[in-house]
Amino acid sequence: MGFAHAPMRGNRPVSSHGSDQLISSPDNDVVRRLRRLAHRREPGLVLLEGPRVLAEAKAAGLEFELLVVREGDKLPFHSESRVTLTAGAYRAATQTVTPQGVMAIARLRESVAADAIRAARNARWPLLVLDGVQDPGNVGAICRTAAAAGAPALAVLPGSADPYGPKAVRASAGNVFRLVVARAIWKDLEGLDGFGATPSGGAPLAEASIESAGMIVLGSEAHGLSRKDLMLVTVPLTEGVESLNVAAAAALILFEIKRRRVA
């Protein structure tokens, strides 16, 4: 397992077992790299924060390039190699309002659309497709729900937030690593019949054969679906309620598929 080592500017050695160095400077290269990754993800890497997220990443087999712990906090698993940040340096590195004291940079194998399609077919599940879902919190929540329902794979169309972005990963509680996730365009999904979720005008959820569809497409709350030839499914709502949040609609649809699969 390879770990990044920063220059000793603003650092001092730490004598406690299992820790390589203590970093106190907010301008240290490690701190700056964490801050940079919080704003823009690099291909093949993912920034993790929080013990639950790190534990999920480890369980999924991700390789850690760098493990960081705030002074006084503990990693959720044993590691001989890590970097410790003082509280001030950690605050400079994190983008979260209430930091949880552990961060990591992990290497990520990025799947292609064919991988996601294959995983869905092998599990006999519809492929979940995000079409312009821009909010990373919603994307992460959908990933968490998909994993909980047993969906194996997710395809992300242009205009959607990155499921491996820091905010989406946190919102998924690390469950995004249980899915095969791939960037895709519509051409990659040719041959898949499917349902698009829409606030109104679709077949009622109870009547739509969503469990046997090739894909379930969730669109932007602001702009809807970018493709107009999909079959449509609608979650019936109480009169006067305009629509559901896309993550809430995803949860109802995914767990309806799960219910039918075990019925």
Protein backbone atom coordinates (compact mmCIF):
# COMPACT_ATOMS: atom_id res chain seq x y z
CA MET A 1 0.00 0.00 0.00
CA GLY A 2 1.65 3.27 -1.07
CA PHE A 3 1.23 6.40 1.00
CA ALA A 4 2.07 9.98 0.14
CA HIS A 5 4.75 11.62 2.24
CA ALA A 6 4.88 15.40 2.53
CA PRO A 7 7.91 17.58 3.20
CA MET A 8 8.56 18.32 6.84
CA ARG A 9 7.44 21.96 6.51
CA GLY A 10 5.11 22.53 9.46
CA ASN A 11 5.53 18.91 10.58
CA ARG A 12 7.23 17.12 13.39
CA PRO A 13 7.78 13.39 13.99
CA VAL A 14 5.34 11.59 16.25
CA SER A 15 6.54 8.96 18.64
CA SER A 16 3.24 7.07 19.11
CA HIS A 17 2.97 3.77 17.29
CA GLY A 18 1.25 3.69 13.89
CA SER A 19 1.68 7.33 12.96
CA ASP A 20 4.28 8.63 10.53
CA GLN A 21 4.17 12.37 11.17
CA LEU A 22 2.23 15.21 12.73
CA ILE A 23 1.32 18.10 10.44
CA SER A 24 0.44 21.45 11.93
CA SER A 25 0.74 23.84 8.99
CA PRO A 26 -2.36 24.57 6.87
CA ASP A 27 0.03 25.20 3.96
CA ASN A 28 1.54 21.72 4.09
CA ASP A 29 1.39 19.82 0.78
CA VAL A 30 -0.84 17.10 2.28
CA VAL A 31 -3.35 19.67 3.53
CA ARG A 32 -3.33 21.50 0.21
CA ARG A 33 -3.84 18.27 -1.73
CA LEU A 34 -6.83 17.29 0.40
CA ARG A 35 -8.31 20.75 -0.10
CA ARG A 36 -7.75 20.55 -3.85
CA LEU A 37 -9.42 17.14 -4.13
CA ALA A 38 -12.42 18.44 -2.19
CA HIS A 39 -13.00 20.93 -5.02
CA ARG A 40 -12.05 18.80 -8.03
CA ARG A 41 -11.70 15.03 -8.12
CA GLU A 42 -8.79 13.56 -10.02
CA PRO A 43 -9.43 10.57 -12.32
CA GLY A 44 -8.90 7.29 -10.52
CA LEU A 45 -8.94 8.87 -7.05
CA VAL A 46 -11.67 9.54 -4.51
CA LEU A 47 -11.61 11.68 -1.36
CA LEU A 48 -13.20 10.05 1.68
CA GLU A 49 -14.21 11.55 5.00
CA GLY A 50 -15.73 10.02 8.10
CA PRO A 51 -15.21 6.62 9.75
CA ARG A 52 -18.25 5.01 8.15
CA VAL A 53 -17.22 6.09 4.65
CA LEU A 54 -13.66 4.84 5.18
CA ALA A 55 -14.95 1.52 6.52
CA GLU A 56 -17.23 1.05 3.49
CA ALA A 57 -14.35 1.87 1.13
CA LYS A 58 -12.09 -0.64 2.85
CA ALA A 59 -14.82 -3.32 2.75
CA ALA A 60 -15.21 -2.67 -0.98
CA GLY A 61 -11.51 -3.33 -1.50
CA LEU A 62 -10.36 0.20 -2.36
CA GLU A 63 -6.65 0.82 -1.93
CA PHE A 64 -5.76 3.77 0.28
CA GLU A 65 -3.11 6.10 -1.03
CA LEU A 66 -3.22 8.34 2.03
CA LEU A 67 -4.86 7.97 5.45
CA VAL A 68 -5.28 11.10 7.58
CA VAL A 69 -6.49 11.37 11.15
CA ARG A 70 -7.08 14.44 13.29
CA GLU A 71 -4.95 14.51 16.42
CA GLY A 72 -6.89 12.76 19.18
CA ASP A 73 -9.19 10.82 16.79
CA LYS A 74 -8.91 7.21 15.63
CA LEU A 75 -9.25 5.41 12.32
CA PRO A 76 -12.14 2.92 12.07
CA PHE A 77 -9.62 0.14 11.36
CA HIS A 78 -6.00 -0.61 12.17
CA SER A 79 -3.30 0.85 9.95
CA GLU A 80 0.41 1.13 10.58
CA SER A 81 0.80 4.05 8.18
CA ARG A 82 -1.10 7.29 8.47
CA VAL A 83 -0.60 11.04 8.74
CA THR A 84 -1.89 12.97 11.75
CA LEU A 85 -3.09 16.58 11.46
CA THR A 86 -3.47 19.01 14.30
CA ALA A 87 -7.01 20.32 14.79
CA GLY A 88 -6.14 23.54 12.96
CA ALA A 89 -4.55 21.76 10.01
CA TYR A 90 -7.50 19.39 9.80
CA ARG A 91 -9.96 22.29 9.69
CA ALA A 92 -7.93 23.75 6.82
CA ALA A 93 -8.08 20.43 4.94
CA THR A 94 -11.77 19.58 5.30
CA GLN A 95 -14.79 21.12 3.58
CA THR A 96 -17.37 19.75 6.04
CA VAL A 97 -19.09 21.87 8.67
CA THR A 98 -18.75 19.18 11.36
CA PRO A 99 -15.62 17.17 10.54
CA GLN A 100 -15.55 13.57 11.73
CA GLY A 101 -11.82 13.37 12.29
CA VAL A 102 -10.65 10.92 9.61
CA MET A 103 -10.01 11.38 5.89
CA ALA A 104 -8.43 9.37 3.11
CA ILE A 105 -7.49 9.41 -0.53
CA ALA A 106 -8.24 6.09 -2.20
CA ARG A 107 -7.58 4.66 -5.62
CA LEU A 108 -10.69 3.86 -7.59
CA ARG A 109 -11.26 1.63 -10.60
CA GLU A 110 -13.60 3.59 -12.84
CA SER A 111 -16.13 1.33 -14.59
CA VAL A 112 -17.48 1.81 -18.10
CA ALA A 113 -21.11 1.63 -19.17
CA ALA A 114 -20.79 -1.97 -20.34
CA ASP A 115 -19.72 -2.97 -16.82
CA ALA A 116 -22.80 -1.39 -15.27
CA ILE A 117 -25.14 -2.93 -17.86
CA ARG A 118 -23.57 -6.36 -17.31
CA ALA A 119 -23.86 -6.10 -13.52
CA ALA A 120 -27.54 -5.16 -13.76
CA ARG A 121 -28.32 -7.98 -16.19
CA ASN A 122 -26.47 -10.56 -14.11
CA ALA A 123 -28.46 -9.54 -11.05
CA ARG A 124 -31.71 -9.33 -13.08
CA TRP A 125 -32.24 -5.77 -11.94
CA PRO A 126 -33.04 -2.71 -14.04
CA LEU A 127 -30.04 -0.44 -14.54
CA LEU A 128 -30.54 2.76 -12.57
CA VAL A 129 -29.79 5.82 -14.73
CA LEU A 130 -29.34 9.42 -13.57
CA ASP A 131 -30.25 11.98 -16.23
CA GLY A 132 -29.14 15.47 -15.21
CA VAL A 133 -29.48 14.96 -11.44
CA GLN A 134 -27.25 17.86 -10.47
CA ASP A 135 -27.36 17.96 -6.68
CA PRO A 136 -24.60 15.77 -5.17
CA GLY A 137 -26.67 15.26 -2.03
CA ASN A 138 -29.46 13.73 -4.09
CA VAL A 139 -27.01 11.62 -6.08
CA GLY A 140 -25.46 10.30 -2.87
CA ALA A 141 -28.85 9.61 -1.30
CA ILE A 142 -29.93 7.69 -4.42
CA CYS A 143 -26.74 5.61 -4.27
CA ARG A 144 -27.40 4.82 -0.60
CA THR A 145 -30.98 3.80 -1.34
CA ALA A 146 -29.96 1.74 -4.38
CA ALA A 147 -27.46 -0.21 -2.29
CA ALA A 148 -30.04 -0.72 0.47
CA ALA A 149 -32.61 -2.03 -2.02
CA GLY A 150 -30.08 -4.36 -3.65
CA ALA A 151 -29.69 -2.59 -6.98
CA PRO A 152 -26.27 -3.48 -8.38
CA ALA A 153 -25.43 -0.71 -10.83
CA LEU A 154 -25.79 2.94 -11.74
CA ALA A 155 -25.18 4.80 -15.00
CA VAL A 156 -24.63 8.56 -14.84
CA LEU A 157 -25.47 10.70 -17.87
CA PRO A 158 -23.95 14.11 -18.65
CA GLY A 159 -25.21 16.89 -16.44
CA SER A 160 -25.40 14.74 -13.31
CA ALA A 161 -23.23 15.26 -10.25
CA ASP A 162 -20.28 12.92 -9.82
CA PRO A 163 -21.27 10.01 -7.52
CA TYR A 164 -17.63 9.86 -6.41
CA GLY A 165 -17.44 13.56 -5.55
CA PRO A 166 -16.88 14.20 -1.82
CA LYS A 167 -20.41 15.47 -1.09
CA ALA A 168 -22.07 12.59 -2.92
CA VAL A 169 -19.84 10.02 -1.22
CA ARG A 170 -20.69 11.47 2.20
CA ALA A 171 -24.42 11.54 1.36
CA SER A 172 -24.21 7.88 0.33
CA ALA A 173 -22.50 7.03 3.66
CA GLY A 174 -19.95 5.18 1.53
CA ASN A 175 -22.57 2.89 0.02
CA VAL A 176 -21.70 4.13 -3.47
CA PHE A 177 -18.80 1.66 -3.30
CA ARG A 178 -21.30 -1.21 -3.20
CA LEU A 179 -22.47 -0.30 -6.72
CA VAL A 180 -20.96 -0.58 -10.18
CA VAL A 181 -20.99 3.09 -11.22
CA ALA A 182 -20.22 4.29 -14.74
CA ARG A 183 -20.40 7.46 -16.78
CA ALA A 184 -22.54 6.94 -19.88
CA ILE A 185 -24.27 8.61 -22.80
CA TRP A 186 -27.57 7.54 -24.31
CA LYS A 187 -25.80 5.68 -27.12
CA ASP A 188 -24.19 3.38 -24.51
CA LEU A 189 -27.66 2.38 -23.36
CA GLU A 190 -29.07 1.46 -26.77
CA GLY A 191 -31.09 -1.72 -26.61
CA LEU A 192 -32.30 -1.14 -23.05
CA ASP A 193 -36.02 -0.53 -22.77
CA GLY A 194 -36.95 1.46 -19.75
CA PHE A 195 -39.18 3.64 -17.62
CA GLY A 196 -38.55 7.28 -16.87
CA ALA A 197 -39.86 8.65 -13.60
CA THR A 198 -42.12 11.65 -14.05
CA PRO A 199 -44.22 13.66 -11.56
CA SER A 200 -47.41 13.17 -13.61
CA GLY A 201 -48.76 11.51 -16.71
CA GLY A 202 -47.05 8.16 -16.30
CA ALA A 203 -48.43 4.74 -15.44
CA PRO A 204 -49.10 4.53 -11.68
CA LEU A 205 -46.21 2.90 -9.84
CA ALA A 206 -48.37 -0.02 -8.72
CA GLU A 207 -49.27 -0.85 -12.35
CA ALA A 208 -45.97 -0.28 -14.19
CA SER A 209 -43.82 -3.33 -14.90
CA ILE A 210 -40.71 -1.64 -13.58
CA GLU A 211 -39.14 -4.83 -12.24
CA SER A 212 -38.69 -6.24 -15.75
CA ALA A 213 -37.44 -3.02 -17.37
CA GLY A 214 -33.95 -2.71 -18.75
CA MET A 215 -33.44 0.60 -16.97
CA ILE A 216 -35.11 3.09 -14.65
CA VAL A 217 -34.27 6.70 -15.49
CA LEU A 218 -34.42 9.50 -12.93
CA GLY A 219 -34.31 13.02 -14.32
CA SER A 220 -33.62 16.51 -13.12
CA GLU A 221 -36.30 18.01 -10.88
CA ALA A 222 -35.98 21.27 -12.81
CA HIS A 223 -35.80 19.96 -16.38
CA GLY A 224 -37.21 16.44 -16.29
CA LEU A 225 -36.06 13.70 -18.65
CA SER A 226 -33.86 14.51 -21.62
CA ARG A 227 -35.22 11.58 -23.61
CA LYS A 228 -38.84 11.55 -24.76
CA ASP A 229 -39.33 7.98 -25.99
CA LEU A 230 -39.27 6.26 -22.59
CA MET A 231 -42.26 4.62 -20.98
CA LEU A 232 -43.25 6.72 -17.97
CA VAL A 233 -43.98 5.83 -14.37
CA THR A 234 -45.49 8.15 -11.78
CA VAL A 235 -45.67 7.89 -8.01
CA PRO A 236 -49.26 8.93 -7.15
CA LEU A 237 -49.35 11.79 -4.65
CA THR A 238 -51.97 13.39 -2.47
CA GLU A 239 -53.89 16.07 -4.35
CA GLY A 240 -52.17 19.44 -4.18
CA VAL A 241 -48.65 18.04 -3.75
CA GLU A 242 -46.74 18.86 -6.91
CA SER A 243 -43.87 16.38 -6.87
CA LEU A 244 -41.39 14.40 -4.80
CA ASN A 245 -37.71 15.07 -4.37
CA VAL A 246 -35.87 12.86 -6.88
CA ALA A 247 -34.15 10.89 -4.10
CA ALA A 248 -37.52 10.20 -2.44
CA ALA A 249 -39.04 9.07 -5.75
CA ALA A 250 -36.02 6.82 -6.32
CA ALA A 251 -36.51 5.22 -2.92
CA LEU A 252 -40.16 4.38 -3.61
CA ILE A 253 -39.41 2.96 -7.05
CA LEU A 254 -36.38 0.94 -5.95
CA PHE A 255 -38.07 -0.60 -2.95
CA GLU A 256 -41.14 -1.42 -5.05
CA ILE A 257 -38.81 -3.34 -7.38
CA LYS A 258 -37.26 -5.07 -4.35
CA ARG A 259 -40.72 -5.97 -2.99
CA ARG A 260 -41.79 -7.52 -6.29
CA ARG A 261 -38.56 -9.48 -6.62
CA VAL A 262 -39.06 -11.20 -3.27
CA ALA A 263 -42.84 -11.61 -3.58
